[in-house]
């Protein structure tokens, strides 16, 4: 098992289901992504760098692409979600849409490739 798999296995069902949807969308865009950590959180990785991190807080779940530009580039697809500089907050009942996750991953991969 990898770091993200371990993280998912330790979550309650609703949170795990939401993150599994996010991970599936991310891997659809970056099927060659690996698993590791970024800034101490479980993350999908690309070319040895963190691509998309995951964190659970008391009041929300977080998607962290390690890039304010990646979040800003998908902001139009994330109407109604709480966005901070470089983070998307959501609930288990309302994960971010797949097209938003794919857009974030596309932009972050492009940053890593530069």
PDB file of N, CA and C in Angstrom:
ATOM      1  N   UNK A   1       0.835  -1.190   0.000  1.00  0.00           N
ATOM      2  CA  UNK A   1       0.000   0.000   0.000  1.00  0.00           C
ATOM      3  C   UNK A   1       0.874   1.245   0.000  1.00  0.00           C
ATOM      4  N   UNK A   2       0.402   2.298  -0.631  1.00  0.00           N
ATOM      5  CA  UNK A   2       1.130   3.549  -0.644  1.00  0.00           C
ATOM      6  C   UNK A   2       0.590   4.513   0.385  1.00  0.00           C
ATOM      7  N   UNK A   3       1.187   5.653   0.465  1.00  0.00           N
ATOM      8  CA  UNK A   3       0.825   6.661   1.451  1.00  0.00           C
ATOM      9  C   UNK A   3      -0.626   7.111   1.319  1.00  0.00           C
ATOM     10  N   UNK A   4      -1.083   7.362   0.105  1.00  0.00           N
ATOM     11  CA  UNK A   4      -2.469   7.792  -0.104  1.00  0.00           C
ATOM     12  C   UNK A   4      -3.413   6.637   0.222  1.00  0.00           C
ATOM     13  N   UNK A   5      -3.064   5.433  -0.187  1.00  0.00           N
ATOM     14  CA  UNK A   5      -3.894   4.272   0.133  1.00  0.00           C
ATOM     15  C   UNK A   5      -4.025   4.113   1.641  1.00  0.00           C
ATOM     16  N   UNK A   6      -2.942   4.279   2.375  1.00  0.00           N
ATOM     17  CA  UNK A   6      -2.976   4.178   3.838  1.00  0.00           C
ATOM     18  C   UNK A   6      -3.871   5.255   4.437  1.00  0.00           C
ATOM     19  N   UNK A   7      -3.747   6.463   3.929  1.00  0.00           N
ATOM     20  CA  UNK A   7      -4.579   7.584   4.385  1.00  0.00           C
ATOM     21  C   UNK A   7      -6.056   7.257   4.177  1.00  0.00           C
ATOM     22  N   UNK A   8      -6.405   6.798   2.982  1.00  0.00           N
ATOM     23  CA  UNK A   8      -7.794   6.476   2.671  1.00  0.00           C
ATOM     24  C   UNK A   8      -8.321   5.361   3.571  1.00  0.00           C
ATOM     25  N   UNK A   9      -7.502   4.360   3.809  1.00  0.00           N
ATOM     26  CA  UNK A   9      -7.924   3.214   4.622  1.00  0.00           C
ATOM     27  C   UNK A   9      -8.267   3.624   6.051  1.00  0.00           C
ATOM     28  N   UNK A  10      -7.687   4.712   6.536  1.00  0.00           N
ATOM     29  CA  UNK A  10      -7.923   5.152   7.906  1.00  0.00           C
ATOM     30  C   UNK A  10      -9.083   6.109   8.077  1.00  0.00           C
ATOM     31  N   UNK A  11      -9.785   6.426   6.995  1.00  0.00           N
ATOM     32  CA  UNK A  11     -10.882   7.397   7.066  1.00  0.00           C
ATOM     33  C   UNK A  11     -12.228   6.729   7.294  1.00  0.00           C
ATOM     34  N   UNK A  12     -13.160   7.458   7.922  1.00  0.00           N
ATOM     35  CA  UNK A  12     -14.549   6.972   7.983  1.00  0.00           C
ATOM     36  C   UNK A  12     -15.106   6.848   6.559  1.00  0.00           C
ATOM     37  N   UNK A  13     -16.132   6.037   6.398  1.00  0.00           N
ATOM     38  CA  UNK A  13     -16.668   5.721   5.067  1.00  0.00           C
ATOM     39  C   UNK A  13     -16.988   6.942   4.212  1.00  0.00           C
ATOM     40  N   UNK A  14     -17.683   7.924   4.752  1.00  0.00           N
ATOM     41  CA  UNK A  14     -18.102   9.084   3.956  1.00  0.00           C
ATOM     42  C   UNK A  14     -16.901   9.886   3.465  1.00  0.00           C
ATOM     43  N   UNK A  15     -15.948  10.112   4.347  1.00  0.00           N
ATOM     44  CA  UNK A  15     -14.751  10.864   3.954  1.00  0.00           C
ATOM     45  C   UNK A  15     -13.925  10.067   2.952  1.00  0.00           C
ATOM     46  N   UNK A  16     -13.784   8.769   3.182  1.00  0.00           N
ATOM     47  CA  UNK A  16     -13.033   7.928   2.255  1.00  0.00           C
ATOM     48  C   UNK A  16     -13.670   7.949   0.866  1.00  0.00           C
ATOM     49  N   UNK A  17     -14.977   7.847   0.813  1.00  0.00           N
ATOM     50  CA  UNK A  17     -15.683   7.864  -0.462  1.00  0.00           C
ATOM     51  C   UNK A  17     -15.445   9.171  -1.214  1.00  0.00           C
ATOM     52  N   UNK A  18     -15.510  10.293  -0.502  1.00  0.00           N
ATOM     53  CA  UNK A  18     -15.272  11.595  -1.134  1.00  0.00           C
ATOM     54  C   UNK A  18     -13.855  11.681  -1.681  1.00  0.00           C
ATOM     55  N   UNK A  19     -12.883  11.268  -0.874  1.00  0.00           N
ATOM     56  CA  UNK A  19     -11.493  11.317  -1.335  1.00  0.00           C
ATOM     57  C   UNK A  19     -11.223  10.311  -2.447  1.00  0.00           C
ATOM     58  N   UNK A  20     -11.877   9.156  -2.408  1.00  0.00           N
ATOM     59  CA  UNK A  20     -11.694   8.186  -3.497  1.00  0.00           C
ATOM     60  C   UNK A  20     -12.157   8.773  -4.821  1.00  0.00           C
ATOM     61  N   UNK A  21     -13.240   9.553  -4.791  1.00  0.00           N
ATOM     62  CA  UNK A  21     -13.710  10.224  -6.009  1.00  0.00           C
ATOM     63  C   UNK A  21     -12.668  11.219  -6.509  1.00  0.00           C
ATOM     64  N   UNK A  22     -12.098  11.992  -5.589  1.00  0.00           N
ATOM     65  CA  UNK A  22     -11.074  12.976  -5.955  1.00  0.00           C
ATOM     66  C   UNK A  22      -9.837  12.279  -6.519  1.00  0.00           C
ATOM     67  N   UNK A  23      -9.386  11.231  -5.852  1.00  0.00           N
ATOM     68  CA  UNK A  23      -8.197  10.502  -6.304  1.00  0.00           C
ATOM     69  C   UNK A  23      -8.445   9.886  -7.681  1.00  0.00           C
ATOM     70  N   UNK A  24      -9.620   9.322  -7.904  1.00  0.00           N
ATOM     71  CA  UNK A  24      -9.936   8.726  -9.204  1.00  0.00           C
ATOM     72  C   UNK A  24      -9.892   9.768 -10.316  1.00  0.00           C
ATOM     73  N   UNK A  25     -10.447  10.942 -10.064  1.00  0.00           N
ATOM     74  CA  UNK A  25     -10.409  12.011 -11.065  1.00  0.00           C
ATOM     75  C   UNK A  25      -8.973  12.457 -11.316  1.00  0.00           C
ATOM     76  N   UNK A  26      -8.186  12.571 -10.256  1.00  0.00           N
ATOM     77  CA  UNK A  26      -6.782  12.987 -10.405  1.00  0.00           C
ATOM     78  C   UNK A  26      -6.000  11.956 -11.209  1.00  0.00           C
ATOM     79  N   UNK A  27      -6.220  10.679 -10.920  1.00  0.00           N
ATOM     80  CA  UNK A  27      -5.487   9.629 -11.635  1.00  0.00           C
ATOM     81  C   UNK A  27      -5.963   9.475 -13.074  1.00  0.00           C
ATOM     82  N   UNK A  28      -7.188   9.868 -13.363  1.00  0.00           N
ATOM     83  CA  UNK A  28      -7.656   9.881 -14.752  1.00  0.00           C
ATOM     84  C   UNK A  28      -6.858  10.894 -15.563  1.00  0.00           C
ATOM     85  N   UNK A  29      -6.472  11.983 -14.915  1.00  0.00           N
ATOM     86  CA  UNK A  29      -5.683  13.034 -15.584  1.00  0.00           C
ATOM     87  C   UNK A  29      -4.193  12.729 -15.535  1.00  0.00           C
ATOM     88  N   UNK A  30      -3.747  12.057 -14.491  1.00  0.00           N
ATOM     89  CA  UNK A  30      -2.318  11.767 -14.302  1.00  0.00           C
ATOM     90  C   UNK A  30      -2.150  10.292 -13.913  1.00  0.00           C
ATOM     91  N   UNK A  31      -2.389   9.382 -14.859  1.00  0.00           N
ATOM     92  CA  UNK A  31      -2.338   7.954 -14.519  1.00  0.00           C
ATOM     93  C   UNK A  31      -0.957   7.480 -14.072  1.00  0.00           C
ATOM     94  N   UNK A  32       0.064   8.261 -14.365  1.00  0.00           N
ATOM     95  CA  UNK A  32       1.427   7.906 -13.983  1.00  0.00           C
ATOM     96  C   UNK A  32       1.834   8.475 -12.626  1.00  0.00           C
ATOM     97  N   UNK A  33       0.873   9.064 -11.911  1.00  0.00           N
ATOM     98  CA  UNK A  33       1.175   9.632 -10.587  1.00  0.00           C
ATOM     99  C   UNK A  33       1.512   8.522  -9.610  1.00  0.00           C
ATOM    100  N   UNK A  34       2.416   8.846  -8.696  1.00  0.00           N
ATOM    101  CA  UNK A  34       2.779   7.928  -7.629  1.00  0.00           C
ATOM    102  C   UNK A  34       2.178   8.392  -6.324  1.00  0.00           C
ATOM    103  N   UNK A  35       2.634   7.792  -5.230  1.00  0.00           N
ATOM    104  CA  UNK A  35       2.168   8.162  -3.905  1.00  0.00           C
ATOM    105  C   UNK A  35       3.359   8.520  -3.035  1.00  0.00           C
ATOM    106  N   UNK A  36       3.172   9.537  -2.216  1.00  0.00           N
ATOM    107  CA  UNK A  36       4.211   9.963  -1.297  1.00  0.00           C
ATOM    108  C   UNK A  36       3.638  10.982  -0.345  1.00  0.00           C
ATOM    109  N   UNK A  37       4.439  11.964   0.013  1.00  0.00           N
ATOM    110  CA  UNK A  37       3.979  13.040   0.887  1.00  0.00           C
ATOM    111  C   UNK A  37       4.420  14.378   0.320  1.00  0.00           C
ATOM    112  N   UNK A  38       3.746  15.406   0.755  1.00  0.00           N
ATOM    113  CA  UNK A  38       4.110  16.774   0.432  1.00  0.00           C
ATOM    114  C   UNK A  38       3.787  17.624   1.642  1.00  0.00           C
ATOM    115  N   UNK A  39       4.784  18.284   2.174  1.00  0.00           N
ATOM    116  CA  UNK A  39       4.597  19.110   3.367  1.00  0.00           C
ATOM    117  C   UNK A  39       3.921  18.325   4.486  1.00  0.00           C
ATOM    118  N   UNK A  40       4.307  17.057   4.640  1.00  0.00           N
ATOM    119  CA  UNK A  40       3.825  16.229   5.722  1.00  0.00           C
ATOM    120  C   UNK A  40       2.454  15.613   5.529  1.00  0.00           C
ATOM    121  N   UNK A  41       1.826  15.824   4.381  1.00  0.00           N
ATOM    122  CA  UNK A  41       0.505  15.235   4.148  1.00  0.00           C
ATOM    123  C   UNK A  41       0.588  14.191   3.039  1.00  0.00           C
ATOM    124  N   UNK A  42      -0.299  13.208   3.071  1.00  0.00           N
ATOM    125  CA  UNK A  42      -0.317  12.232   1.996  1.00  0.00           C
ATOM    126  C   UNK A  42      -0.604  12.935   0.676  1.00  0.00           C
ATOM    127  N   UNK A  43       0.073  12.491  -0.364  1.00  0.00           N
ATOM    128  CA  UNK A  43      -0.061  13.190  -1.644  1.00  0.00           C
ATOM    129  C   UNK A  43       0.181  12.252  -2.808  1.00  0.00           C
ATOM    130  N   UNK A  44      -0.473  12.565  -3.913  1.00  0.00           N
ATOM    131  CA  UNK A  44      -0.084  11.977  -5.182  1.00  0.00           C
ATOM    132  C   UNK A  44       1.142  12.756  -5.628  1.00  0.00           C
ATOM    133  N   UNK A  45       2.062  12.082  -6.290  1.00  0.00           N
ATOM    134  CA  UNK A  45       3.288  12.736  -6.732  1.00  0.00           C
ATOM    135  C   UNK A  45       3.453  12.565  -8.233  1.00  0.00           C
ATOM    136  N   UNK A  46       4.234  13.459  -8.813  1.00  0.00           N
ATOM    137  CA  UNK A  46       4.535  13.404 -10.238  1.00  0.00           C
ATOM    138  C   UNK A  46       5.971  13.888 -10.413  1.00  0.00           C
ATOM    139  N   UNK A  47       6.765  13.101 -11.108  1.00  0.00           N
ATOM    140  CA  UNK A  47       8.165  13.441 -11.353  1.00  0.00           C
ATOM    141  C   UNK A  47       8.901  13.752 -10.050  1.00  0.00           C
ATOM    142  N   UNK A  48       8.562  13.006  -8.999  1.00  0.00           N
ATOM    143  CA  UNK A  48       9.232  13.166  -7.714  1.00  0.00           C
ATOM    144  C   UNK A  48       8.788  14.364  -6.903  1.00  0.00           C
ATOM    145  N   UNK A  49       7.773  15.075  -7.372  1.00  0.00           N
ATOM    146  CA  UNK A  49       7.286  16.262  -6.653  1.00  0.00           C
ATOM    147  C   UNK A  49       5.829  16.085  -6.269  1.00  0.00           C
ATOM    148  N   UNK A  50       5.379  16.728  -5.184  1.00  0.00           N
ATOM    149  CA  UNK A  50       3.975  16.601  -4.786  1.00  0.00           C
ATOM    150  C   UNK A  50       3.043  17.216  -5.831  1.00  0.00           C
ATOM    151  N   UNK A  51       2.028  16.470  -6.174  1.00  0.00           N
ATOM    152  CA  UNK A  51       1.052  16.884  -7.183  1.00  0.00           C
ATOM    153  C   UNK A  51      -0.250  17.337  -6.527  1.00  0.00           C
ATOM    154  N   UNK A  52      -0.750  16.542  -5.594  1.00  0.00           N
ATOM    155  CA  UNK A  52      -2.043  16.822  -4.987  1.00  0.00           C
ATOM    156  C   UNK A  52      -2.075  16.191  -3.597  1.00  0.00           C
ATOM    157  N   UNK A  53      -2.215  17.035  -2.569  1.00  0.00           N
ATOM    158  CA  UNK A  53      -2.218  16.560  -1.192  1.00  0.00           C
ATOM    159  C   UNK A  53      -3.617  16.512  -0.611  1.00  0.00           C
ATOM    160  N   UNK A  54      -3.737  15.758   0.487  1.00  0.00           N
ATOM    161  CA  UNK A  54      -5.030  15.534   1.125  1.00  0.00           C
ATOM    162  C   UNK A  54      -4.903  15.721   2.629  1.00  0.00           C
ATOM    163  N   UNK A  55      -5.852  16.452   3.196  1.00  0.00           N
ATOM    164  CA  UNK A  55      -5.832  16.708   4.638  1.00  0.00           C
ATOM    165  C   UNK A  55      -7.255  16.771   5.165  1.00  0.00           C
ATOM    166  N   UNK A  56      -7.446  16.224   6.352  1.00  0.00           N
ATOM    167  CA  UNK A  56      -8.744  16.267   7.030  1.00  0.00           C
ATOM    168  C   UNK A  56      -8.622  17.230   8.199  1.00  0.00           C
ATOM    169  N   UNK A  57      -9.534  18.204   8.254  1.00  0.00           N
ATOM    170  CA  UNK A  57      -9.623  19.129   9.382  1.00  0.00           C
ATOM    171  C   UNK A  57     -10.948  18.870  10.093  1.00  0.00           C
ATOM    172  N   UNK A  58     -11.125  19.497  11.216  1.00  0.00           N
ATOM    173  CA  UNK A  58     -12.343  19.281  11.998  1.00  0.00           C
ATOM    174  C   UNK A  58     -13.596  19.678  11.215  1.00  0.00           C
ATOM    175  N   UNK A  59     -13.537  20.794  10.504  1.00  0.00           N
ATOM    176  CA  UNK A  59     -14.734  21.323   9.842  1.00  0.00           C
ATOM    177  C   UNK A  59     -14.798  21.056   8.346  1.00  0.00           C
ATOM    178  N   UNK A  60     -13.741  20.498   7.757  1.00  0.00           N
ATOM    179  CA  UNK A  60     -13.758  20.294   6.311  1.00  0.00           C
ATOM    180  C   UNK A  60     -12.668  19.308   5.886  1.00  0.00           C
ATOM    181  N   UNK A  61     -12.731  18.933   4.637  1.00  0.00           N
ATOM    182  CA  UNK A  61     -11.680  18.157   3.986  1.00  0.00           C
ATOM    183  C   UNK A  61     -10.945  19.121   3.063  1.00  0.00           C
ATOM    184  N   UNK A  62      -9.675  18.854   2.816  1.00  0.00           N
ATOM    185  CA  UNK A  62      -8.896  19.761   1.973  1.00  0.00           C
ATOM    186  C   UNK A  62      -8.217  19.017   0.841  1.00  0.00           C
ATOM    187  N   UNK A  63      -8.176  19.688  -0.282  1.00  0.00           N
ATOM    188  CA  UNK A  63      -7.439  19.267  -1.460  1.00  0.00           C
ATOM    189  C   UNK A  63      -6.357  20.318  -1.661  1.00  0.00           C
ATOM    190  N   UNK A  64      -5.088  19.894  -1.674  1.00  0.00           N
ATOM    191  CA  UNK A  64      -3.975  20.837  -1.689  1.00  0.00           C
ATOM    192  C   UNK A  64      -3.067  20.547  -2.885  1.00  0.00           C
ATOM    193  N   UNK A  65      -3.153  21.357  -3.934  1.00  0.00           N
ATOM    194  CA  UNK A  65      -2.298  21.121  -5.098  1.00  0.00           C
ATOM    195  C   UNK A  65      -0.926  21.809  -5.015  1.00  0.00           C
ATOM    196  N   UNK A  66      -0.583  22.344  -3.854  1.00  0.00           N
ATOM    197  CA  UNK A  66       0.736  22.956  -3.662  1.00  0.00           C
ATOM    198  C   UNK A  66       0.986  24.088  -4.649  1.00  0.00           C
ATOM    199  N   UNK A  67      -0.090  24.758  -5.052  1.00  0.00           N
ATOM    200  CA  UNK A  67       0.014  25.815  -6.050  1.00  0.00           C
ATOM    201  C   UNK A  67      -1.216  26.706  -6.021  1.00  0.00           C
ATOM    202  N   UNK A  68      -1.014  27.959  -5.697  1.00  0.00           N
ATOM    203  CA  UNK A  68      -2.122  28.914  -5.742  1.00  0.00           C
ATOM    204  C   UNK A  68      -2.626  29.088  -7.166  1.00  0.00           C
ATOM    205  N   UNK A  69      -1.725  29.001  -8.134  1.00  0.00           N
ATOM    206  CA  UNK A  69      -2.109  29.166  -9.533  1.00  0.00           C
ATOM    207  C   UNK A  69      -3.008  28.033 -10.008  1.00  0.00           C
ATOM    208  N   UNK A  70      -2.762  26.820  -9.539  1.00  0.00           N
ATOM    209  CA  UNK A  70      -3.597  25.680  -9.933  1.00  0.00           C
ATOM    210  C   UNK A  70      -5.020  25.853  -9.407  1.00  0.00           C
ATOM    211  N   UNK A  71      -5.154  26.329  -8.174  1.00  0.00           N
ATOM    212  CA  UNK A  71      -6.488  26.576  -7.616  1.00  0.00           C
ATOM    213  C   UNK A  71      -7.156  27.723  -8.359  1.00  0.00           C
ATOM    214  N   UNK A  72      -6.442  28.806  -8.573  1.00  0.00           N
ATOM    215  CA  UNK A  72      -7.013  29.962  -9.274  1.00  0.00           C
ATOM    216  C   UNK A  72      -7.454  29.583 -10.687  1.00  0.00           C
ATOM    217  N   UNK A  73      -6.698  28.716 -11.338  1.00  0.00           N
ATOM    218  CA  UNK A  73      -7.030  28.310 -12.698  1.00  0.00           C
ATOM    219  C   UNK A  73      -8.293  27.478 -12.797  1.00  0.00           C
ATOM    220  N   UNK A  74      -8.708  26.878 -11.697  1.00  0.00           N
ATOM    221  CA  UNK A  74      -9.930  26.065 -11.696  1.00  0.00           C
ATOM    222  C   UNK A  74     -11.063  26.730 -10.911  1.00  0.00           C
ATOM    223  N   UNK A  75     -10.862  27.958 -10.478  1.00  0.00           N
ATOM    224  CA  UNK A  75     -11.840  28.634  -9.616  1.00  0.00           C
ATOM    225  C   UNK A  75     -13.224  28.712 -10.246  1.00  0.00           C
ATOM    226  N   UNK A  76     -13.300  28.899 -11.551  1.00  0.00           N
ATOM    227  CA  UNK A  76     -14.607  28.982 -12.198  1.00  0.00           C
ATOM    228  C   UNK A  76     -15.369  27.652 -12.141  1.00  0.00           C
ATOM    229  N   UNK A  77     -14.654  26.553 -11.954  1.00  0.00           N
ATOM    230  CA  UNK A  77     -15.275  25.231 -11.841  1.00  0.00           C
ATOM    231  C   UNK A  77     -15.593  24.877 -10.387  1.00  0.00           C
ATOM    232  N   UNK A  78     -15.218  25.764  -9.472  1.00  0.00           N
ATOM    233  CA  UNK A  78     -15.365  25.489  -8.035  1.00  0.00           C
ATOM    234  C   UNK A  78     -16.289  26.480  -7.334  1.00  0.00           C
ATOM    235  N   UNK A  79     -17.261  26.999  -8.070  1.00  0.00           N
ATOM    236  CA  UNK A  79     -18.229  27.926  -7.469  1.00  0.00           C
ATOM    237  C   UNK A  79     -18.916  27.238  -6.289  1.00  0.00           C
ATOM    238  N   UNK A  80     -19.007  27.932  -5.173  1.00  0.00           N
ATOM    239  CA  UNK A  80     -19.652  27.390  -3.992  1.00  0.00           C
ATOM    240  C   UNK A  80     -18.707  26.677  -3.038  1.00  0.00           C
ATOM    241  N   UNK A  81     -17.456  26.470  -3.445  1.00  0.00           N
ATOM    242  CA  UNK A  81     -16.468  25.843  -2.576  1.00  0.00           C
ATOM    243  C   UNK A  81     -15.623  26.924  -1.921  1.00  0.00           C
ATOM    244  N   UNK A  82     -15.162  26.652  -0.722  1.00  0.00           N
ATOM    245  CA  UNK A  82     -14.283  27.574  -0.012  1.00  0.00           C
ATOM    246  C   UNK A  82     -12.870  27.392  -0.559  1.00  0.00           C
ATOM    247  N   UNK A  83     -12.352  28.431  -1.176  1.00  0.00           N
ATOM    248  CA  UNK A  83     -11.007  28.396  -1.744  1.00  0.00           C
ATOM    249  C   UNK A  83     -10.109  29.328  -0.955  1.00  0.00           C
ATOM    250  N   UNK A  84      -8.954  28.834  -0.600  1.00  0.00           N
ATOM    251  CA  UNK A  84      -7.937  29.677   0.002  1.00  0.00           C
ATOM    252  C   UNK A  84      -6.752  29.656  -0.935  1.00  0.00           C
ATOM    253  N   UNK A  85      -5.728  30.383  -0.605  1.00  0.00           N
ATOM    254  CA  UNK A  85      -4.552  30.405  -1.467  1.00  0.00           C
ATOM    255  C   UNK A  85      -3.935  29.005  -1.516  1.00  0.00           C
ATOM    256  N   UNK A  86      -4.193  28.303  -2.598  1.00  0.00           N
ATOM    257  CA  UNK A  86      -3.603  26.997  -2.797  1.00  0.00           C
ATOM    258  C   UNK A  86      -4.349  25.823  -2.198  1.00  0.00           C
ATOM    259  N   UNK A  87      -5.597  26.020  -1.729  1.00  0.00           N
ATOM    260  CA  UNK A  87      -6.345  24.926  -1.115  1.00  0.00           C
ATOM    261  C   UNK A  87      -7.824  25.006  -1.477  1.00  0.00           C
ATOM    262  N   UNK A  88      -8.431  23.834  -1.645  1.00  0.00           N
ATOM    263  CA  UNK A  88      -9.878  23.727  -1.855  1.00  0.00           C
ATOM    264  C   UNK A  88     -10.442  22.999  -0.647  1.00  0.00           C
ATOM    265  N   UNK A  89     -11.399  23.635   0.040  1.00  0.00           N
ATOM    266  CA  UNK A  89     -12.074  23.005   1.173  1.00  0.00           C
ATOM    267  C   UNK A  89     -13.419  22.476   0.699  1.00  0.00           C
ATOM    268  N   UNK A  90     -13.788  21.305   1.211  1.00  0.00           N
ATOM    269  CA  UNK A  90     -15.061  20.704   0.830  1.00  0.00           C
ATOM    270  C   UNK A  90     -15.538  19.794   1.952  1.00  0.00           C
ATOM    271  N   UNK A  91     -16.718  19.239   1.793  1.00  0.00           N
ATOM    272  CA  UNK A  91     -17.250  18.299   2.776  1.00  0.00           C
ATOM    273  C   UNK A  91     -17.347  16.919   2.135  1.00  0.00           C
ATOM    274  N   UNK A  92     -17.512  15.912   2.977  1.00  0.00           N
ATOM    275  CA  UNK A  92     -17.661  14.553   2.461  1.00  0.00           C
ATOM    276  C   UNK A  92     -18.897  14.434   1.582  1.00  0.00           C
ATOM    277  N   UNK A  93     -19.930  15.204   1.884  1.00  0.00           N
ATOM    278  CA  UNK A  93     -21.165  15.153   1.103  1.00  0.00           C
ATOM    279  C   UNK A  93     -21.044  15.852  -0.245  1.00  0.00           C
ATOM    280  N   UNK A  94     -20.071  16.759  -0.360  1.00  0.00           N
ATOM    281  CA  UNK A  94     -19.935  17.537  -1.594  1.00  0.00           C
ATOM    282  C   UNK A  94     -18.473  17.655  -2.005  1.00  0.00           C
ATOM    283  N   UNK A  95     -17.908  16.615  -2.572  1.00  0.00           N
ATOM    284  CA  UNK A  95     -16.522  16.709  -3.054  1.00  0.00           C
ATOM    285  C   UNK A  95     -16.461  17.598  -4.290  1.00  0.00           C
ATOM    286  N   UNK A  96     -15.287  18.106  -4.613  1.00  0.00           N
ATOM    287  CA  UNK A  96     -15.169  18.939  -5.806  1.00  0.00           C
ATOM    288  C   UNK A  96     -15.491  18.129  -7.058  1.00  0.00           C
ATOM    289  N   UNK A  97     -16.055  18.787  -8.078  1.00  0.00           N
ATOM    290  CA  UNK A  97     -16.387  18.072  -9.308  1.00  0.00           C
ATOM    291  C   UNK A  97     -15.135  17.512 -10.001  1.00  0.00           C
ATOM    292  N   UNK A  98     -15.330  16.396 -10.674  1.00  0.00           N
ATOM    293  CA  UNK A  98     -14.213  15.744 -11.361  1.00  0.00           C
ATOM    294  C   UNK A  98     -13.513  16.678 -12.342  1.00  0.00           C
ATOM    295  N   UNK A  99     -14.276  17.488 -13.085  1.00  0.00           N
ATOM    296  CA  UNK A  99     -13.636  18.372 -14.063  1.00  0.00           C
ATOM    297  C   UNK A  99     -12.750  19.405 -13.374  1.00  0.00           C
ATOM    298  N   UNK A 100     -13.119  19.840 -12.173  1.00  0.00           N
ATOM    299  CA  UNK A 100     -12.285  20.786 -11.419  1.00  0.00           C
ATOM    300  C   UNK A 100     -11.003  20.111 -10.952  1.00  0.00           C
ATOM    301  N   UNK A 101     -11.128  18.889 -10.444  1.00  0.00           N
ATOM    302  CA  UNK A 101      -9.946  18.152 -10.000  1.00  0.00           C
ATOM    303  C   UNK A 101      -8.999  17.922 -11.179  1.00  0.00           C
ATOM    304  N   UNK A 102      -9.544  17.516 -12.310  1.00  0.00           N
ATOM    305  CA  UNK A 102      -8.701  17.292 -13.500  1.00  0.00           C
ATOM    306  C   UNK A 102      -8.017  18.586 -13.945  1.00  0.00           C
ATOM    307  N   UNK A 103      -8.735  19.700 -13.894  1.00  0.00           N
ATOM    308  CA  UNK A 103      -8.144  20.985 -14.277  1.00  0.00           C
ATOM    309  C   UNK A 103      -7.003  21.366 -13.337  1.00  0.00           C
ATOM    310  N   UNK A 104      -7.188  21.148 -12.046  1.00  0.00           N
ATOM    311  CA  UNK A 104      -6.134  21.439 -11.071  1.00  0.00           C
ATOM    312  C   UNK A 104      -4.914  20.570 -11.337  1.00  0.00           C
ATOM    313  N   UNK A 105      -5.135  19.282 -11.555  1.00  0.00           N
ATOM    314  CA  UNK A 105      -4.023  18.358 -11.801  1.00  0.00           C
ATOM    315  C   UNK A 105      -3.307  18.711 -13.103  1.00  0.00           C
ATOM    316  N   UNK A 106      -4.052  19.046 -14.137  1.00  0.00           N
ATOM    317  CA  UNK A 106      -3.449  19.444 -15.419  1.00  0.00           C
ATOM    318  C   UNK A 106      -2.513  20.642 -15.237  1.00  0.00           C
ATOM    319  N   UNK A 107      -3.002  21.646 -14.525  1.00  0.00           N
ATOM    320  CA  UNK A 107      -2.202  22.860 -14.316  1.00  0.00           C
ATOM    321  C   UNK A 107      -0.975  22.570 -13.441  1.00  0.00           C
ATOM    322  N   UNK A 108      -1.170  21.795 -12.390  1.00  0.00           N
ATOM    323  CA  UNK A 108      -0.035  21.469 -11.500  1.00  0.00           C
ATOM    324  C   UNK A 108       1.010  20.631 -12.238  1.00  0.00           C
ATOM    325  N   UNK A 109       0.592  19.677 -13.051  1.00  0.00           N
ATOM    326  CA  UNK A 109       1.548  18.887 -13.841  1.00  0.00           C
ATOM    327  C   UNK A 109       2.351  19.804 -14.767  1.00  0.00           C
ATOM    328  N   UNK A 110       1.673  20.754 -15.387  1.00  0.00           N
ATOM    329  CA  UNK A 110       2.364  21.683 -16.276  1.00  0.00           C
ATOM    330  C   UNK A 110       3.408  22.484 -15.509  1.00  0.00           C
ATOM    331  N   UNK A 111       3.089  22.893 -14.277  1.00  0.00           N
ATOM    332  CA  UNK A 111       4.068  23.611 -13.459  1.00  0.00           C
ATOM    333  C   UNK A 111       5.271  22.729 -13.147  1.00  0.00           C
ATOM    334  N   UNK A 112       5.009  21.487 -12.807  1.00  0.00           N
ATOM    335  CA  UNK A 112       6.117  20.568 -12.494  1.00  0.00           C
ATOM    336  C   UNK A 112       6.968  20.317 -13.724  1.00  0.00           C
ATOM    337  N   UNK A 113       6.345  20.217 -14.885  1.00  0.00           N
ATOM    338  CA  UNK A 113       7.093  19.954 -16.127  1.00  0.00           C
ATOM    339  C   UNK A 113       7.985  21.108 -16.551  1.00  0.00           C
ATOM    340  N   UNK A 114       7.661  22.313 -16.084  1.00  0.00           N
ATOM    341  CA  UNK A 114       8.491  23.480 -16.490  1.00  0.00           C
ATOM    342  C   UNK A 114       9.855  23.438 -15.905  1.00  0.00           C
TER     343      UNK A 114
END
